[in-house]
């Protein structure tokens, strides 16, 4: 190999196929979307789409609803997923494998099929309402579908696996001697959790939060099926602008605003956590 191409090591050459794919299916399309977002419907350069978004309370309320639902999904996944991850970290390899299979196996089924399953459970004539009506706890069916609650349930079901596995990975790396040292120093089980387990699992919590929040912000199928026409989120609005109204520039602007807002919120959240009390955990 000549000196001109000496820097092209075999390891670097292995990256070429991946870089070509990323360039072809992600970067170039994203640049095209960005260019379209700065056009009006007459294909002239314009800031009209972004100004419309900022000035119209409707779009701002949709963005806030998207963020709120995503945050509620993160909280739900964290509250329900952390105990599962903690059990996996403390369980035997046999039980760890069983729990891992149990949380991964639903993802072998299409998200559309799982959402229709939730319709059977949460609908007005679903299992929950039928049981509660028969035993006399309620007099009329609860509205568990086609609202924000239904969307959060569907998104939590779709994304909780990422939270569990991310937190469990951090918990696996905690040295057992730290718990013994905490016990010798007089720490009770609750104190040991808040001073050892929780701080050292923060990288996993951040990773799981980032994944769940990003996936929830960009979700389309679950909000469309579980929220119906009463719960509009930004991905659904962008889809309607492009596919139903054929307003590609506005749809492109909404898509890019969704992407940038997700990146910005994740970056701010990560920065705040990593520069506060537990920054040493991330530096290690």
C-alpha atoms as a PDB file:
ATOM      1  CA  UNK A   1       0.000   0.000   0.000  1.00  0.00           C
ATOM      2  CA  UNK A   2       1.393   3.412  -0.943  1.00  0.00           C
ATOM      3  CA  UNK A   3       2.112   6.099   1.617  1.00  0.00           C
ATOM      4  CA  UNK A   4      -0.839   8.062   0.259  1.00  0.00           C
ATOM      5  CA  UNK A   5      -3.289   5.415   1.496  1.00  0.00           C
ATOM      6  CA  UNK A   6      -1.250   4.223   4.490  1.00  0.00           C
ATOM      7  CA  UNK A   7      -3.833   5.654   6.885  1.00  0.00           C
ATOM      8  CA  UNK A   8      -6.467   3.262   5.528  1.00  0.00           C
ATOM      9  CA  UNK A   9      -5.937   0.457   8.001  1.00  0.00           C
ATOM     10  CA  UNK A  10      -7.923  -2.807   7.653  1.00  0.00           C
ATOM     11  CA  UNK A  11      -9.985  -1.842  10.716  1.00  0.00           C
ATOM     12  CA  UNK A  12     -10.915   1.480   9.126  1.00  0.00           C
ATOM     13  CA  UNK A  13     -11.843  -0.196   5.851  1.00  0.00           C
ATOM     14  CA  UNK A  14     -14.325  -2.375   7.738  1.00  0.00           C
ATOM     15  CA  UNK A  15     -16.291   0.791   8.557  1.00  0.00           C
ATOM     16  CA  UNK A  16     -16.769   1.719   4.904  1.00  0.00           C
ATOM     17  CA  UNK A  17     -19.941  -0.404   4.272  1.00  0.00           C
ATOM     18  CA  UNK A  18     -21.614   0.982   7.409  1.00  0.00           C
ATOM     19  CA  UNK A  19     -20.641   4.548   6.548  1.00  0.00           C
ATOM     20  CA  UNK A  20     -22.024   4.154   3.027  1.00  0.00           C
ATOM     21  CA  UNK A  21     -25.336   2.811   4.391  1.00  0.00           C
ATOM     22  CA  UNK A  22     -25.603   5.610   6.977  1.00  0.00           C
ATOM     23  CA  UNK A  23     -24.812   8.201   4.329  1.00  0.00           C
ATOM     24  CA  UNK A  24     -27.302   6.768   1.847  1.00  0.00           C
ATOM     25  CA  UNK A  25     -30.277   6.002   4.071  1.00  0.00           C
ATOM     26  CA  UNK A  26     -29.915   8.615   6.818  1.00  0.00           C
ATOM     27  CA  UNK A  27     -27.717  11.641   6.171  1.00  0.00           C
ATOM     28  CA  UNK A  28     -28.687  12.361   2.557  1.00  0.00           C
ATOM     29  CA  UNK A  29     -32.460  11.914   3.203  1.00  0.00           C
ATOM     30  CA  UNK A  30     -32.205  14.107   6.305  1.00  0.00           C
ATOM     31  CA  UNK A  31     -30.458  16.845   4.322  1.00  0.00           C
ATOM     32  CA  UNK A  32     -33.178  16.575   1.668  1.00  0.00           C
ATOM     33  CA  UNK A  33     -35.873  16.911   4.337  1.00  0.00           C
ATOM     34  CA  UNK A  34     -34.054  19.912   5.804  1.00  0.00           C
ATOM     35  CA  UNK A  35     -33.926  21.594   2.396  1.00  0.00           C
ATOM     36  CA  UNK A  36     -37.617  20.939   1.808  1.00  0.00           C
ATOM     37  CA  UNK A  37     -38.525  22.403   5.183  1.00  0.00           C
ATOM     38  CA  UNK A  38     -37.215  25.790   3.995  1.00  0.00           C
ATOM     39  CA  UNK A  39     -39.495  25.849   0.968  1.00  0.00           C
ATOM     40  CA  UNK A  40     -43.037  27.049   0.566  1.00  0.00           C
ATOM     41  CA  UNK A  41     -45.619  25.161  -1.496  1.00  0.00           C
ATOM     42  CA  UNK A  42     -44.296  26.927  -4.608  1.00  0.00           C
ATOM     43  CA  UNK A  43     -40.805  25.504  -3.928  1.00  0.00           C
ATOM     44  CA  UNK A  44     -39.391  28.932  -3.107  1.00  0.00           C
ATOM     45  CA  UNK A  45     -36.972  29.456  -0.213  1.00  0.00           C
ATOM     46  CA  UNK A  46     -38.950  30.565   2.836  1.00  0.00           C
ATOM     47  CA  UNK A  47     -39.060  30.435   6.637  1.00  0.00           C
ATOM     48  CA  UNK A  48     -42.845  30.258   6.443  1.00  0.00           C
ATOM     49  CA  UNK A  49     -43.162  26.710   7.818  1.00  0.00           C
ATOM     50  CA  UNK A  50     -41.090  27.398  10.933  1.00  0.00           C
ATOM     51  CA  UNK A  51     -42.798  30.743  11.539  1.00  0.00           C
ATOM     52  CA  UNK A  52     -46.181  29.030  11.250  1.00  0.00           C
ATOM     53  CA  UNK A  53     -45.117  26.454  13.831  1.00  0.00           C
ATOM     54  CA  UNK A  54     -43.884  29.083  16.301  1.00  0.00           C
ATOM     55  CA  UNK A  55     -46.878  31.414  15.904  1.00  0.00           C
ATOM     56  CA  UNK A  56     -49.659  28.809  15.847  1.00  0.00           C
ATOM     57  CA  UNK A  57     -50.719  27.664  19.358  1.00  0.00           C
ATOM     58  CA  UNK A  58     -52.092  24.465  17.810  1.00  0.00           C
ATOM     59  CA  UNK A  59     -48.652  23.190  16.790  1.00  0.00           C
ATOM     60  CA  UNK A  60     -47.077  24.274  20.075  1.00  0.00           C
ATOM     61  CA  UNK A  61     -49.756  22.380  22.006  1.00  0.00           C
ATOM     62  CA  UNK A  62     -49.077  19.292  19.882  1.00  0.00           C
ATOM     63  CA  UNK A  63     -45.344  19.546  20.651  1.00  0.00           C
ATOM     64  CA  UNK A  64     -46.052  19.908  24.374  1.00  0.00           C
ATOM     65  CA  UNK A  65     -48.412  16.924  24.305  1.00  0.00           C
ATOM     66  CA  UNK A  66     -45.760  14.837  22.529  1.00  0.00           C
ATOM     67  CA  UNK A  67     -43.157  15.766  25.146  1.00  0.00           C
ATOM     68  CA  UNK A  68     -45.580  15.191  28.034  1.00  0.00           C
ATOM     69  CA  UNK A  69     -46.614  11.737  26.815  1.00  0.00           C
ATOM     70  CA  UNK A  70     -42.959  10.804  26.272  1.00  0.00           C
ATOM     71  CA  UNK A  71     -42.020  11.933  29.794  1.00  0.00           C
ATOM     72  CA  UNK A  72     -44.929  10.012  31.316  1.00  0.00           C
ATOM     73  CA  UNK A  73     -43.815   6.954  29.361  1.00  0.00           C
ATOM     74  CA  UNK A  74     -40.267   7.326  30.699  1.00  0.00           C
ATOM     75  CA  UNK A  75     -41.532   7.616  34.284  1.00  0.00           C
ATOM     76  CA  UNK A  76     -43.810   4.596  33.851  1.00  0.00           C
ATOM     77  CA  UNK A  77     -41.020   2.482  32.361  1.00  0.00           C
ATOM     78  CA  UNK A  78     -38.602   3.561  35.098  1.00  0.00           C
ATOM     79  CA  UNK A  79     -40.999   2.849  37.973  1.00  0.00           C
ATOM     80  CA  UNK A  80     -42.057  -0.540  36.588  1.00  0.00           C
ATOM     81  CA  UNK A  81     -38.726  -1.502  35.052  1.00  0.00           C
ATOM     82  CA  UNK A  82     -36.258  -0.742  37.852  1.00  0.00           C
ATOM     83  CA  UNK A  83     -37.553  -3.453  40.229  1.00  0.00           C
ATOM     84  CA  UNK A  84     -37.375  -5.974  37.376  1.00  0.00           C
ATOM     85  CA  UNK A  85     -33.790  -4.975  36.579  1.00  0.00           C
ATOM     86  CA  UNK A  86     -32.890  -5.159  40.279  1.00  0.00           C
ATOM     87  CA  UNK A  87     -34.374  -8.654  40.516  1.00  0.00           C
ATOM     88  CA  UNK A  88     -32.399  -9.727  37.440  1.00  0.00           C
ATOM     89  CA  UNK A  89     -29.168  -8.420  38.975  1.00  0.00           C
ATOM     90  CA  UNK A  90     -29.747 -10.332  42.220  1.00  0.00           C
ATOM     91  CA  UNK A  91     -31.254 -13.514  40.729  1.00  0.00           C
ATOM     92  CA  UNK A  92     -29.514 -16.716  39.713  1.00  0.00           C
ATOM     93  CA  UNK A  93     -28.463 -17.139  36.058  1.00  0.00           C
ATOM     94  CA  UNK A  94     -31.462 -19.444  35.511  1.00  0.00           C
ATOM     95  CA  UNK A  95     -34.032 -16.902  36.679  1.00  0.00           C
ATOM     96  CA  UNK A  96     -32.161 -14.092  34.957  1.00  0.00           C
ATOM     97  CA  UNK A  97     -32.518 -15.938  31.657  1.00  0.00           C
ATOM     98  CA  UNK A  98     -36.215 -16.596  32.270  1.00  0.00           C
ATOM     99  CA  UNK A  99     -36.968 -12.939  33.044  1.00  0.00           C
ATOM    100  CA  UNK A 100     -34.903 -11.750  30.076  1.00  0.00           C
ATOM    101  CA  UNK A 101     -36.853 -14.039  27.753  1.00  0.00           C
ATOM    102  CA  UNK A 102     -40.151 -12.911  29.301  1.00  0.00           C
ATOM    103  CA  UNK A 103     -39.512  -9.212  28.649  1.00  0.00           C
ATOM    104  CA  UNK A 104     -38.030  -9.729  25.178  1.00  0.00           C
ATOM    105  CA  UNK A 105     -40.533 -12.288  23.843  1.00  0.00           C
ATOM    106  CA  UNK A 106     -43.412  -9.772  23.340  1.00  0.00           C
ATOM    107  CA  UNK A 107     -41.199  -7.964  20.830  1.00  0.00           C
ATOM    108  CA  UNK A 108     -41.272 -11.035  18.625  1.00  0.00           C
ATOM    109  CA  UNK A 109     -44.840  -9.937  17.838  1.00  0.00           C
ATOM    110  CA  UNK A 110     -45.606  -6.887  15.706  1.00  0.00           C
ATOM    111  CA  UNK A 111     -46.369  -3.680  17.605  1.00  0.00           C
ATOM    112  CA  UNK A 112     -49.651  -3.455  15.669  1.00  0.00           C
ATOM    113  CA  UNK A 113     -50.771  -6.853  16.983  1.00  0.00           C
ATOM    114  CA  UNK A 114     -49.783  -5.893  20.538  1.00  0.00           C
ATOM    115  CA  UNK A 115     -51.766  -2.665  20.279  1.00  0.00           C
ATOM    116  CA  UNK A 116     -54.850  -4.555  19.113  1.00  0.00           C
ATOM    117  CA  UNK A 117     -54.335  -6.789  22.138  1.00  0.00           C
ATOM    118  CA  UNK A 118     -54.497  -3.719  24.343  1.00  0.00           C
ATOM    119  CA  UNK A 119     -57.750  -2.737  22.620  1.00  0.00           C
ATOM    120  CA  UNK A 120     -59.223  -6.059  23.755  1.00  0.00           C
ATOM    121  CA  UNK A 121     -58.045  -5.390  27.308  1.00  0.00           C
ATOM    122  CA  UNK A 122     -58.707  -1.650  27.651  1.00  0.00           C
ATOM    123  CA  UNK A 123     -61.696  -1.061  25.357  1.00  0.00           C
ATOM    124  CA  UNK A 124     -65.154  -0.124  26.614  1.00  0.00           C
ATOM    125  CA  UNK A 125     -66.136  -3.788  26.248  1.00  0.00           C
ATOM    126  CA  UNK A 126     -62.674  -5.054  27.109  1.00  0.00           C
ATOM    127  CA  UNK A 127     -61.669  -7.397  29.882  1.00  0.00           C
ATOM    128  CA  UNK A 128     -61.003  -4.717  32.508  1.00  0.00           C
ATOM    129  CA  UNK A 129     -64.327  -2.918  32.080  1.00  0.00           C
ATOM    130  CA  UNK A 130     -66.262  -6.185  31.784  1.00  0.00           C
ATOM    131  CA  UNK A 131     -64.809  -7.527  35.055  1.00  0.00           C
ATOM    132  CA  UNK A 132     -65.260  -4.247  36.945  1.00  0.00           C
ATOM    133  CA  UNK A 133     -68.857  -3.909  35.752  1.00  0.00           C
ATOM    134  CA  UNK A 134     -69.749  -7.477  36.711  1.00  0.00           C
ATOM    135  CA  UNK A 135     -68.384  -7.198  40.241  1.00  0.00           C
ATOM    136  CA  UNK A 136     -70.081  -3.812  40.693  1.00  0.00           C
ATOM    137  CA  UNK A 137     -67.028  -1.600  41.240  1.00  0.00           C
ATOM    138  CA  UNK A 138     -68.060   0.772  38.435  1.00  0.00           C
ATOM    139  CA  UNK A 139     -71.438   1.674  36.929  1.00  0.00           C
ATOM    140  CA  UNK A 140     -70.204   2.647  33.457  1.00  0.00           C
ATOM    141  CA  UNK A 141     -67.141   1.686  31.421  1.00  0.00           C
ATOM    142  CA  UNK A 142     -63.898   3.480  32.174  1.00  0.00           C
ATOM    143  CA  UNK A 143     -62.320   5.408  29.317  1.00  0.00           C
ATOM    144  CA  UNK A 144     -58.938   3.696  29.090  1.00  0.00           C
ATOM    145  CA  UNK A 145     -58.506   4.045  25.335  1.00  0.00           C
ATOM    146  CA  UNK A 146     -58.306   6.883  22.816  1.00  0.00           C
ATOM    147  CA  UNK A 147     -56.794   9.255  25.355  1.00  0.00           C
ATOM    148  CA  UNK A 148     -53.333  10.045  26.697  1.00  0.00           C
ATOM    149  CA  UNK A 149     -53.574   7.232  29.238  1.00  0.00           C
ATOM    150  CA  UNK A 150     -54.035   4.649  26.506  1.00  0.00           C
ATOM    151  CA  UNK A 151     -51.094   6.048  24.518  1.00  0.00           C
ATOM    152  CA  UNK A 152     -48.813   5.958  27.578  1.00  0.00           C
ATOM    153  CA  UNK A 153     -49.811   2.348  28.294  1.00  0.00           C
ATOM    154  CA  UNK A 154     -49.097   1.333  24.713  1.00  0.00           C
ATOM    155  CA  UNK A 155     -45.756   3.156  24.591  1.00  0.00           C
ATOM    156  CA  UNK A 156     -44.680   1.777  27.965  1.00  0.00           C
ATOM    157  CA  UNK A 157     -45.472  -1.739  26.787  1.00  0.00           C
ATOM    158  CA  UNK A 158     -43.416  -1.167  23.628  1.00  0.00           C
ATOM    159  CA  UNK A 159     -40.386   0.444  25.294  1.00  0.00           C
ATOM    160  CA  UNK A 160     -40.040  -0.899  28.829  1.00  0.00           C
ATOM    161  CA  UNK A 161     -37.653  -3.619  27.650  1.00  0.00           C
ATOM    162  CA  UNK A 162     -35.031  -0.984  26.780  1.00  0.00           C
ATOM    163  CA  UNK A 163     -35.251   0.542  30.246  1.00  0.00           C
ATOM    164  CA  UNK A 164     -34.972  -2.820  31.985  1.00  0.00           C
ATOM    165  CA  UNK A 165     -31.987  -4.056  29.980  1.00  0.00           C
ATOM    166  CA  UNK A 166     -30.141  -0.729  30.237  1.00  0.00           C
ATOM    167  CA  UNK A 167     -30.529  -0.551  34.022  1.00  0.00           C
ATOM    168  CA  UNK A 168     -29.744  -4.249  34.466  1.00  0.00           C
ATOM    169  CA  UNK A 169     -26.480  -3.815  32.548  1.00  0.00           C
ATOM    170  CA  UNK A 170     -25.378  -1.144  35.045  1.00  0.00           C
ATOM    171  CA  UNK A 171     -26.458  -3.217  38.032  1.00  0.00           C
ATOM    172  CA  UNK A 172     -24.457  -6.224  36.816  1.00  0.00           C
ATOM    173  CA  UNK A 173     -21.275  -4.149  37.043  1.00  0.00           C
ATOM    174  CA  UNK A 174     -21.653  -3.184  40.717  1.00  0.00           C
ATOM    175  CA  UNK A 175     -19.073  -4.969  42.880  1.00  0.00           C
ATOM    176  CA  UNK A 176     -20.663  -7.018  45.682  1.00  0.00           C
ATOM    177  CA  UNK A 177     -17.928  -5.871  48.051  1.00  0.00           C
ATOM    178  CA  UNK A 178     -19.494  -2.396  48.042  1.00  0.00           C
ATOM    179  CA  UNK A 179     -22.627  -3.784  49.673  1.00  0.00           C
ATOM    180  CA  UNK A 180     -20.524  -5.574  52.296  1.00  0.00           C
ATOM    181  CA  UNK A 181     -18.634  -2.366  53.003  1.00  0.00           C
ATOM    182  CA  UNK A 182     -21.902  -0.457  53.364  1.00  0.00           C
ATOM    183  CA  UNK A 183     -23.168  -3.096  55.787  1.00  0.00           C
ATOM    184  CA  UNK A 184     -19.983  -2.938  57.860  1.00  0.00           C
ATOM    185  CA  UNK A 185     -20.380   0.828  58.090  1.00  0.00           C
ATOM    186  CA  UNK A 186     -23.879   0.326  59.481  1.00  0.00           C
ATOM    187  CA  UNK A 187     -25.990   1.056  56.412  1.00  0.00           C
ATOM    188  CA  UNK A 188     -29.377  -0.624  56.345  1.00  0.00           C
ATOM    189  CA  UNK A 189     -30.845  -2.110  53.185  1.00  0.00           C
ATOM    190  CA  UNK A 190     -32.661   1.096  52.243  1.00  0.00           C
ATOM    191  CA  UNK A 191     -29.569   3.204  52.922  1.00  0.00           C
ATOM    192  CA  UNK A 192     -27.456   0.795  50.884  1.00  0.00           C
ATOM    193  CA  UNK A 193     -29.865   1.152  47.985  1.00  0.00           C
ATOM    194  CA  UNK A 194     -29.848   4.958  47.971  1.00  0.00           C
ATOM    195  CA  UNK A 195     -26.100   5.343  48.588  1.00  0.00           C
ATOM    196  CA  UNK A 196     -24.709   2.467  46.494  1.00  0.00           C
ATOM    197  CA  UNK A 197     -27.199   0.840  44.122  1.00  0.00           C
ATOM    198  CA  UNK A 198     -29.078   3.876  42.822  1.00  0.00           C
ATOM    199  CA  UNK A 199     -26.055   6.155  42.175  1.00  0.00           C
ATOM    200  CA  UNK A 200     -24.066   3.403  40.436  1.00  0.00           C
ATOM    201  CA  UNK A 201     -27.043   2.477  38.273  1.00  0.00           C
ATOM    202  CA  UNK A 202     -27.457   6.061  37.001  1.00  0.00           C
ATOM    203  CA  UNK A 203     -25.622   5.393  33.706  1.00  0.00           C
ATOM    204  CA  UNK A 204     -28.161   2.661  32.964  1.00  0.00           C
ATOM    205  CA  UNK A 205     -31.037   4.918  33.968  1.00  0.00           C
ATOM    206  CA  UNK A 206     -29.740   7.646  31.653  1.00  0.00           C
ATOM    207  CA  UNK A 207     -29.288   5.182  28.787  1.00  0.00           C
ATOM    208  CA  UNK A 208     -32.761   3.714  29.297  1.00  0.00           C
ATOM    209  CA  UNK A 209     -34.345   7.153  29.650  1.00  0.00           C
ATOM    210  CA  UNK A 210     -32.673   8.341  26.450  1.00  0.00           C
ATOM    211  CA  UNK A 211     -33.848   5.310  24.484  1.00  0.00           C
ATOM    212  CA  UNK A 212     -37.413   5.344  25.813  1.00  0.00           C
ATOM    213  CA  UNK A 213     -37.823   9.102  25.440  1.00  0.00           C
ATOM    214  CA  UNK A 214     -36.438   9.147  21.889  1.00  0.00           C
ATOM    215  CA  UNK A 215     -38.574   6.212  20.776  1.00  0.00           C
ATOM    216  CA  UNK A 216     -41.685   7.676  22.415  1.00  0.00           C
ATOM    217  CA  UNK A 217     -41.163  11.082  20.812  1.00  0.00           C
ATOM    218  CA  UNK A 218     -40.906   9.513  17.353  1.00  0.00           C
ATOM    219  CA  UNK A 219     -43.606   6.843  17.777  1.00  0.00           C
ATOM    220  CA  UNK A 220     -46.350   6.820  15.171  1.00  0.00           C
ATOM    221  CA  UNK A 221     -48.179   3.474  15.207  1.00  0.00           C
ATOM    222  CA  UNK A 222     -49.014   3.336  18.922  1.00  0.00           C
ATOM    223  CA  UNK A 223     -50.356   6.926  19.232  1.00  0.00           C
ATOM    224  CA  UNK A 224     -52.368   6.452  16.041  1.00  0.00           C
ATOM    225  CA  UNK A 225     -53.990   3.204  17.244  1.00  0.00           C
ATOM    226  CA  UNK A 226     -54.221   3.820  21.004  1.00  0.00           C
ATOM    227  CA  UNK A 227     -54.941   7.541  20.833  1.00  0.00           C
ATOM    228  CA  UNK A 228     -57.217   7.625  17.813  1.00  0.00           C
ATOM    229  CA  UNK A 229     -58.241  11.035  16.521  1.00  0.00           C
ATOM    230  CA  UNK A 230     -58.453  12.617  19.970  1.00  0.00           C
ATOM    231  CA  UNK A 231     -54.729  12.402  20.804  1.00  0.00           C
ATOM    232  CA  UNK A 232     -52.565  14.058  18.167  1.00  0.00           C
ATOM    233  CA  UNK A 233     -48.784  13.925  18.501  1.00  0.00           C
ATOM    234  CA  UNK A 234     -46.126  15.460  16.274  1.00  0.00           C
ATOM    235  CA  UNK A 235     -45.258  12.311  14.239  1.00  0.00           C
ATOM    236  CA  UNK A 236     -48.950  11.801  13.414  1.00  0.00           C
ATOM    237  CA  UNK A 237     -49.360  15.444  12.388  1.00  0.00           C
ATOM    238  CA  UNK A 238     -46.248  15.260  10.190  1.00  0.00           C
ATOM    239  CA  UNK A 239     -47.608  12.112   8.535  1.00  0.00           C
ATOM    240  CA  UNK A 240     -50.962  13.766   7.874  1.00  0.00           C
ATOM    241  CA  UNK A 241     -49.286  16.844   6.381  1.00  0.00           C
ATOM    242  CA  UNK A 242     -47.231  14.722   3.976  1.00  0.00           C
ATOM    243  CA  UNK A 243     -49.580  11.857   3.085  1.00  0.00           C
ATOM    244  CA  UNK A 244     -53.065  13.371   3.453  1.00  0.00           C
ATOM    245  CA  UNK A 245     -52.567  17.052   2.648  1.00  0.00           C
ATOM    246  CA  UNK A 246     -49.513  16.567   0.377  1.00  0.00           C
ATOM    247  CA  UNK A 247     -47.902  19.534   2.139  1.00  0.00           C
ATOM    248  CA  UNK A 248     -44.353  18.186   2.000  1.00  0.00           C
ATOM    249  CA  UNK A 249     -42.570  21.388   3.137  1.00  0.00           C
ATOM    250  CA  UNK A 250     -44.657  21.706   6.328  1.00  0.00           C
ATOM    251  CA  UNK A 251     -44.383  17.979   7.004  1.00  0.00           C
ATOM    252  CA  UNK A 252     -40.613  18.186   6.545  1.00  0.00           C
ATOM    253  CA  UNK A 253     -40.416  21.148   8.940  1.00  0.00           C
ATOM    254  CA  UNK A 254     -42.440  19.282  11.573  1.00  0.00           C
ATOM    255  CA  UNK A 255     -40.231  16.207  11.167  1.00  0.00           C
ATOM    256  CA  UNK A 256     -37.041  18.211  11.577  1.00  0.00           C
ATOM    257  CA  UNK A 257     -38.441  20.127  14.555  1.00  0.00           C
ATOM    258  CA  UNK A 258     -39.322  16.795  16.154  1.00  0.00           C
ATOM    259  CA  UNK A 259     -35.769  15.533  15.601  1.00  0.00           C
ATOM    260  CA  UNK A 260     -34.054  18.654  16.920  1.00  0.00           C
ATOM    261  CA  UNK A 261     -36.339  18.983  19.957  1.00  0.00           C
ATOM    262  CA  UNK A 262     -35.692  15.346  20.896  1.00  0.00           C
ATOM    263  CA  UNK A 263     -31.930  15.768  20.602  1.00  0.00           C
ATOM    264  CA  UNK A 264     -32.020  19.028  22.552  1.00  0.00           C
ATOM    265  CA  UNK A 265     -34.096  17.658  25.443  1.00  0.00           C
ATOM    266  CA  UNK A 266     -31.974  14.505  25.730  1.00  0.00           C
ATOM    267  CA  UNK A 267     -28.757  16.537  25.639  1.00  0.00           C
ATOM    268  CA  UNK A 268     -29.953  18.980  28.308  1.00  0.00           C
ATOM    269  CA  UNK A 269     -31.194  16.186  30.583  1.00  0.00           C
ATOM    270  CA  UNK A 270     -27.958  14.195  30.248  1.00  0.00           C
ATOM    271  CA  UNK A 271     -25.842  17.285  30.819  1.00  0.00           C
ATOM    272  CA  UNK A 272     -27.737  18.253  33.970  1.00  0.00           C
ATOM    273  CA  UNK A 273     -27.389  14.788  35.496  1.00  0.00           C
ATOM    274  CA  UNK A 274     -23.719  14.316  34.596  1.00  0.00           C
ATOM    275  CA  UNK A 275     -22.627  17.654  36.052  1.00  0.00           C
ATOM    276  CA  UNK A 276     -24.397  17.388  39.384  1.00  0.00           C
ATOM    277  CA  UNK A 277     -23.867  15.271  42.472  1.00  0.00           C
ATOM    278  CA  UNK A 278     -23.161  11.978  40.711  1.00  0.00           C
ATOM    279  CA  UNK A 279     -20.830  13.205  37.940  1.00  0.00           C
ATOM    280  CA  UNK A 280     -18.060  10.927  39.297  1.00  0.00           C
ATOM    281  CA  UNK A 281     -20.180   7.922  38.378  1.00  0.00           C
ATOM    282  CA  UNK A 282     -20.083   8.890  34.700  1.00  0.00           C
ATOM    283  CA  UNK A 283     -16.411   9.783  34.774  1.00  0.00           C
ATOM    284  CA  UNK A 284     -15.397   6.344  36.034  1.00  0.00           C
END
